[in-house]
N, C-alpha and C. Protein backbone atom coordinates (compact mmCIF):
# COMPACT_ATOMS: atom_id res chain seq x y z
N MET A 1 130.28 103.33 119.07
CA MET A 1 131.63 102.94 119.39
C MET A 1 131.60 101.54 120.01
N LEU A 2 132.46 100.70 119.55
CA LEU A 2 132.60 99.37 120.10
C LEU A 2 134.07 99.10 120.34
N ASN A 3 134.44 98.89 121.60
CA ASN A 3 135.84 98.69 121.98
C ASN A 3 136.73 99.85 121.52
N GLY A 4 136.18 101.06 121.59
CA GLY A 4 136.97 102.24 121.27
C GLY A 4 137.03 102.62 119.81
N SER A 5 136.42 101.85 118.90
CA SER A 5 136.45 102.22 117.49
C SER A 5 135.02 102.27 116.94
N PRO A 6 134.79 103.18 116.00
CA PRO A 6 133.43 103.31 115.43
C PRO A 6 133.03 102.06 114.65
N THR A 7 131.78 101.69 114.78
CA THR A 7 131.24 100.54 114.05
C THR A 7 129.96 100.96 113.35
N GLY A 8 129.43 100.10 112.53
CA GLY A 8 128.19 100.38 111.82
C GLY A 8 126.98 100.30 112.75
N PHE A 9 125.82 100.43 112.18
CA PHE A 9 124.57 100.38 112.93
C PHE A 9 124.30 98.96 113.40
N SER A 10 123.94 98.80 114.66
CA SER A 10 123.61 97.47 115.16
C SER A 10 122.09 97.28 115.09
N HIS A 11 121.67 96.18 114.55
CA HIS A 11 120.24 95.90 114.38
C HIS A 11 119.72 95.09 115.56
N SER A 12 118.59 95.52 116.08
CA SER A 12 117.95 94.82 117.18
C SER A 12 117.02 93.75 116.60
N ASN A 13 116.94 92.63 117.26
CA ASN A 13 116.04 91.60 116.76
C ASN A 13 114.91 91.30 117.73
N ARG A 14 114.86 92.00 118.85
CA ARG A 14 113.81 91.75 119.83
C ARG A 14 112.87 92.92 120.00
N GLY A 15 113.37 94.09 120.20
CA GLY A 15 112.52 95.24 120.45
C GLY A 15 112.10 95.30 121.91
N ILE A 16 111.17 96.19 122.19
CA ILE A 16 110.68 96.35 123.56
C ILE A 16 109.42 95.52 123.72
N ARG A 17 109.35 94.81 124.80
CA ARG A 17 108.20 93.95 125.07
C ARG A 17 107.30 94.59 126.13
N GLN A 18 106.06 94.10 126.18
CA GLN A 18 105.12 94.58 127.18
C GLN A 18 105.69 94.34 128.56
N GLY A 19 105.57 95.32 129.44
CA GLY A 19 106.12 95.20 130.78
C GLY A 19 107.52 95.74 130.92
N ASP A 20 108.16 96.09 129.79
CA ASP A 20 109.50 96.67 129.83
C ASP A 20 109.42 98.02 130.56
N LEU A 21 110.45 98.37 131.29
CA LEU A 21 110.45 99.61 132.06
C LEU A 21 110.38 100.85 131.17
N LEU A 22 110.78 100.74 129.91
CA LEU A 22 110.71 101.89 129.00
C LEU A 22 109.32 102.08 128.39
N SER A 23 108.47 101.08 128.44
CA SER A 23 107.16 101.13 127.79
C SER A 23 106.33 102.36 128.15
N PRO A 24 106.17 102.71 129.44
CA PRO A 24 105.36 103.89 129.75
C PRO A 24 105.91 105.17 129.14
N TYR A 25 107.23 105.31 129.10
CA TYR A 25 107.84 106.51 128.54
C TYR A 25 107.63 106.58 127.02
N LEU A 26 107.77 105.45 126.38
CA LEU A 26 107.53 105.41 124.93
C LEU A 26 106.08 105.69 124.60
N PHE A 27 105.16 105.21 125.44
CA PHE A 27 103.74 105.48 125.23
C PHE A 27 103.47 106.98 125.34
N VAL A 28 104.06 107.64 126.32
CA VAL A 28 103.87 109.08 126.49
C VAL A 28 104.40 109.83 125.27
N ILE A 29 105.55 109.43 124.76
CA ILE A 29 106.12 110.07 123.56
C ILE A 29 105.21 109.84 122.35
N LEU A 30 104.69 108.64 122.21
CA LEU A 30 103.79 108.32 121.11
C LEU A 30 102.51 109.14 121.19
N MET A 31 101.93 109.27 122.38
CA MET A 31 100.71 110.06 122.54
C MET A 31 100.98 111.54 122.28
N GLU A 32 102.16 112.00 122.63
CA GLU A 32 102.53 113.39 122.32
C GLU A 32 102.61 113.60 120.81
N PHE A 33 103.15 112.61 120.10
CA PHE A 33 103.20 112.65 118.63
C PHE A 33 101.79 112.76 118.05
N LEU A 34 100.87 111.93 118.55
CA LEU A 34 99.49 111.98 118.05
C LEU A 34 98.81 113.29 118.42
N SER A 35 99.06 113.80 119.62
CA SER A 35 98.45 115.06 120.05
C SER A 35 98.89 116.21 119.16
N ILE A 36 100.18 116.28 118.88
CA ILE A 36 100.71 117.33 118.02
C ILE A 36 100.15 117.18 116.60
N SER A 37 100.06 115.95 116.10
CA SER A 37 99.51 115.70 114.77
C SER A 37 98.07 116.18 114.68
N MET A 38 97.28 115.92 115.72
CA MET A 38 95.88 116.33 115.70
C MET A 38 95.75 117.85 115.75
N GLU A 39 96.55 118.50 116.58
CA GLU A 39 96.49 119.96 116.66
C GLU A 39 96.93 120.59 115.34
N LEU A 40 97.95 120.03 114.71
CA LEU A 40 98.43 120.54 113.43
C LEU A 40 97.36 120.36 112.34
N SER A 41 96.75 119.19 112.29
CA SER A 41 95.69 118.94 111.31
C SER A 41 94.50 119.86 111.52
N LEU A 42 94.18 120.12 112.78
CA LEU A 42 93.08 121.04 113.10
C LEU A 42 93.42 122.45 112.62
N ALA A 43 94.66 122.90 112.88
CA ALA A 43 95.09 124.24 112.47
C ALA A 43 95.12 124.39 110.95
N LEU A 44 95.44 123.30 110.23
CA LEU A 44 95.49 123.34 108.77
C LEU A 44 94.12 123.12 108.12
N GLY A 45 93.11 122.84 108.94
CA GLY A 45 91.77 122.64 108.41
C GLY A 45 91.52 121.26 107.81
N LYS A 46 92.40 120.32 108.06
CA LYS A 46 92.23 118.97 107.53
C LYS A 46 91.34 118.11 108.41
N TYR A 47 91.16 118.55 109.62
CA TYR A 47 90.44 117.78 110.63
C TYR A 47 89.46 118.71 111.34
N ALA A 48 88.24 118.28 111.51
CA ALA A 48 87.24 119.10 112.19
C ALA A 48 86.78 118.39 113.46
N THR A 49 86.91 119.07 114.57
CA THR A 49 86.48 118.49 115.84
C THR A 49 85.15 119.10 116.25
N ILE A 50 84.63 118.62 117.33
CA ILE A 50 83.36 119.14 117.86
C ILE A 50 83.68 120.41 118.63
N ARG A 51 83.00 121.50 118.27
CA ARG A 51 83.24 122.79 118.92
C ARG A 51 81.96 123.32 119.52
N ARG A 52 82.06 123.79 120.73
CA ARG A 52 80.92 124.46 121.35
C ARG A 52 80.92 125.93 120.92
N ASP A 53 82.09 126.51 120.83
CA ASP A 53 82.28 127.85 120.29
C ASP A 53 83.70 127.90 119.73
N PRO A 54 84.09 128.97 119.04
CA PRO A 54 85.40 129.00 118.39
C PRO A 54 86.60 128.81 119.32
N HIS A 55 86.45 129.13 120.61
CA HIS A 55 87.58 129.05 121.53
C HIS A 55 87.48 127.88 122.50
N ASN A 56 86.44 127.08 122.38
CA ASN A 56 86.21 125.99 123.32
C ASN A 56 86.00 124.69 122.55
N TYR A 57 87.03 123.86 122.48
CA TYR A 57 86.91 122.61 121.75
C TYR A 57 87.81 121.54 122.38
N VAL A 58 87.50 120.30 122.09
CA VAL A 58 88.30 119.17 122.54
C VAL A 58 88.57 118.29 121.33
N THR A 59 89.83 117.99 121.07
CA THR A 59 90.17 117.11 119.96
C THR A 59 90.29 115.67 120.42
N HIS A 60 90.84 115.47 121.64
CA HIS A 60 91.04 114.12 122.13
C HIS A 60 91.31 114.15 123.64
N LEU A 61 91.11 113.00 124.26
CA LEU A 61 91.44 112.81 125.67
C LEU A 61 92.32 111.58 125.79
N LEU A 62 93.31 111.65 126.65
CA LEU A 62 94.22 110.53 126.87
C LEU A 62 94.01 109.97 128.27
N PHE A 63 93.92 108.66 128.35
CA PHE A 63 93.80 107.97 129.62
C PHE A 63 95.03 107.08 129.77
N ALA A 64 95.05 106.20 130.74
CA ALA A 64 96.22 105.37 131.03
C ALA A 64 96.85 104.80 129.76
N ASP A 65 96.13 104.02 129.01
CA ASP A 65 96.67 103.49 127.75
C ASP A 65 95.62 103.55 126.65
N ASP A 66 94.73 104.51 126.76
CA ASP A 66 93.65 104.68 125.78
C ASP A 66 93.62 106.11 125.28
N MET A 67 93.04 106.27 124.10
CA MET A 67 92.86 107.59 123.51
C MET A 67 91.44 107.70 123.00
N LEU A 68 90.76 108.77 123.38
CA LEU A 68 89.40 109.04 122.94
C LEU A 68 89.46 110.23 121.99
N VAL A 69 89.05 110.04 120.74
CA VAL A 69 89.15 111.09 119.72
C VAL A 69 87.76 111.63 119.43
N PHE A 70 87.64 112.95 119.40
CA PHE A 70 86.39 113.62 119.07
C PHE A 70 86.52 114.22 117.67
N SER A 71 85.55 113.92 116.82
CA SER A 71 85.63 114.40 115.45
C SER A 71 84.23 114.58 114.90
N LYS A 72 84.11 115.51 113.97
CA LYS A 72 82.87 115.58 113.21
C LYS A 72 82.80 114.35 112.33
N ALA A 73 81.61 113.88 112.11
CA ALA A 73 81.42 112.64 111.33
C ALA A 73 81.36 112.96 109.84
N ASN A 74 82.44 113.56 109.33
CA ASN A 74 82.50 113.78 107.89
C ASN A 74 83.69 113.00 107.32
N LYS A 75 83.63 112.76 106.05
CA LYS A 75 84.62 111.92 105.38
C LYS A 75 86.04 112.47 105.52
N ALA A 76 86.20 113.77 105.37
CA ALA A 76 87.53 114.39 105.42
C ALA A 76 88.17 114.22 106.79
N SER A 77 87.42 114.43 107.86
CA SER A 77 87.97 114.30 109.21
C SER A 77 88.35 112.86 109.53
N LEU A 78 87.48 111.93 109.16
CA LEU A 78 87.78 110.52 109.43
C LEU A 78 88.97 110.04 108.60
N LYS A 79 89.08 110.54 107.38
CA LYS A 79 90.23 110.19 106.54
C LYS A 79 91.52 110.73 107.15
N GLU A 80 91.47 111.94 107.70
CA GLU A 80 92.66 112.54 108.33
C GLU A 80 93.08 111.76 109.58
N ILE A 81 92.12 111.28 110.36
CA ILE A 81 92.45 110.46 111.52
C ILE A 81 93.16 109.19 111.07
N LYS A 82 92.65 108.58 110.00
CA LYS A 82 93.27 107.37 109.46
C LYS A 82 94.70 107.67 109.00
N ILE A 83 94.90 108.80 108.33
CA ILE A 83 96.23 109.19 107.86
C ILE A 83 97.18 109.38 109.04
N MET A 84 96.71 110.03 110.12
CA MET A 84 97.55 110.24 111.30
C MET A 84 97.98 108.91 111.92
N LEU A 85 97.05 107.96 111.99
CA LEU A 85 97.38 106.65 112.55
C LEU A 85 98.33 105.87 111.65
N GLU A 86 98.18 106.03 110.33
CA GLU A 86 99.11 105.39 109.40
C GLU A 86 100.51 105.99 109.51
N LYS A 87 100.59 107.31 109.70
CA LYS A 87 101.89 107.96 109.90
C LYS A 87 102.56 107.46 111.18
N MET A 88 101.74 107.32 112.23
CA MET A 88 102.27 106.80 113.49
C MET A 88 102.86 105.41 113.27
N LYS A 89 102.15 104.57 112.53
CA LYS A 89 102.64 103.22 112.26
C LYS A 89 103.92 103.26 111.43
N HIS A 90 103.95 104.14 110.45
CA HIS A 90 105.13 104.25 109.58
C HIS A 90 106.36 104.71 110.38
N TYR A 91 106.20 105.74 111.22
CA TYR A 91 107.33 106.30 111.95
C TYR A 91 107.77 105.46 113.14
N THR A 92 106.83 104.76 113.78
CA THR A 92 107.18 104.06 115.02
C THR A 92 107.13 102.54 114.89
N GLY A 93 106.43 102.03 113.91
CA GLY A 93 106.26 100.58 113.80
C GLY A 93 105.13 100.06 114.66
N LEU A 94 104.47 100.96 115.42
CA LEU A 94 103.37 100.57 116.28
C LEU A 94 102.05 100.86 115.59
N SER A 95 101.08 99.98 115.79
CA SER A 95 99.79 100.19 115.14
C SER A 95 98.66 100.01 116.13
N VAL A 96 97.50 100.45 115.75
CA VAL A 96 96.30 100.33 116.56
C VAL A 96 95.81 98.89 116.50
N ILE A 97 95.38 98.37 117.63
CA ILE A 97 94.83 97.02 117.67
C ILE A 97 93.38 97.10 117.21
N GLN A 98 93.13 96.64 115.99
CA GLN A 98 91.82 96.81 115.36
C GLN A 98 90.63 96.30 116.18
N PRO A 99 90.70 95.11 116.81
CA PRO A 99 89.54 94.65 117.59
C PRO A 99 89.19 95.55 118.78
N LYS A 100 90.14 96.38 119.23
CA LYS A 100 89.88 97.26 120.37
C LYS A 100 89.33 98.62 119.96
N VAL A 101 89.27 98.90 118.67
CA VAL A 101 88.79 100.20 118.19
C VAL A 101 87.26 100.21 118.22
N LYS A 102 86.70 101.27 118.79
CA LYS A 102 85.25 101.43 118.86
C LYS A 102 84.87 102.79 118.26
N PHE A 103 83.82 102.81 117.46
CA PHE A 103 83.30 104.05 116.89
C PHE A 103 81.90 104.28 117.45
N SER A 104 81.62 105.50 117.85
CA SER A 104 80.29 105.88 118.28
C SER A 104 79.92 107.15 117.54
N LEU A 105 78.91 107.06 116.72
CA LEU A 105 78.46 108.22 115.97
C LEU A 105 77.20 108.79 116.63
N VAL A 106 77.19 110.09 116.81
CA VAL A 106 76.06 110.77 117.42
C VAL A 106 75.58 111.81 116.43
N LYS A 107 74.29 111.77 116.13
CA LYS A 107 73.73 112.69 115.14
C LYS A 107 72.64 113.54 115.79
N GLY A 108 72.65 114.80 115.47
CA GLY A 108 71.56 115.68 115.89
C GLY A 108 71.58 116.05 117.36
N VAL A 109 72.74 116.16 117.97
CA VAL A 109 72.80 116.52 119.38
C VAL A 109 72.63 118.03 119.49
N GLN A 110 71.71 118.43 120.32
CA GLN A 110 71.45 119.87 120.55
C GLN A 110 72.28 120.35 121.73
N THR A 111 72.84 121.53 121.62
CA THR A 111 73.59 122.13 122.72
C THR A 111 72.68 123.05 123.49
N ARG A 112 72.62 122.85 124.80
CA ARG A 112 71.81 123.71 125.65
C ARG A 112 72.69 124.74 126.35
N ARG A 113 72.29 125.98 126.32
CA ARG A 113 73.03 127.04 127.02
C ARG A 113 72.14 127.57 128.13
N ASN A 114 72.75 127.72 129.30
CA ASN A 114 72.00 128.23 130.45
C ASN A 114 72.20 129.70 130.62
């Protein structure tokens, strides 16, 4: 509504900038989107995480403005992570900063039980 009468969609030309008061809230919503996407992909079998046993697993950890993803190092799981990040970019317009992305592959880790 503009001056009491309905108008068309207004287009923004600036968007939200770093330091904006809404930024932390939008980040929380975005991380919730990724969390739900990862849990859904895990439930559908498209994504495999590291499991100690069937009921004890971690898919990801969220920190202040970082996300740590745990995944088996197989092609299907890595492809699904890429798809989730592409969906995030498509729906929100936000993307991962490529130079800040780090991969650490660990092979042959033995689990010790006491």
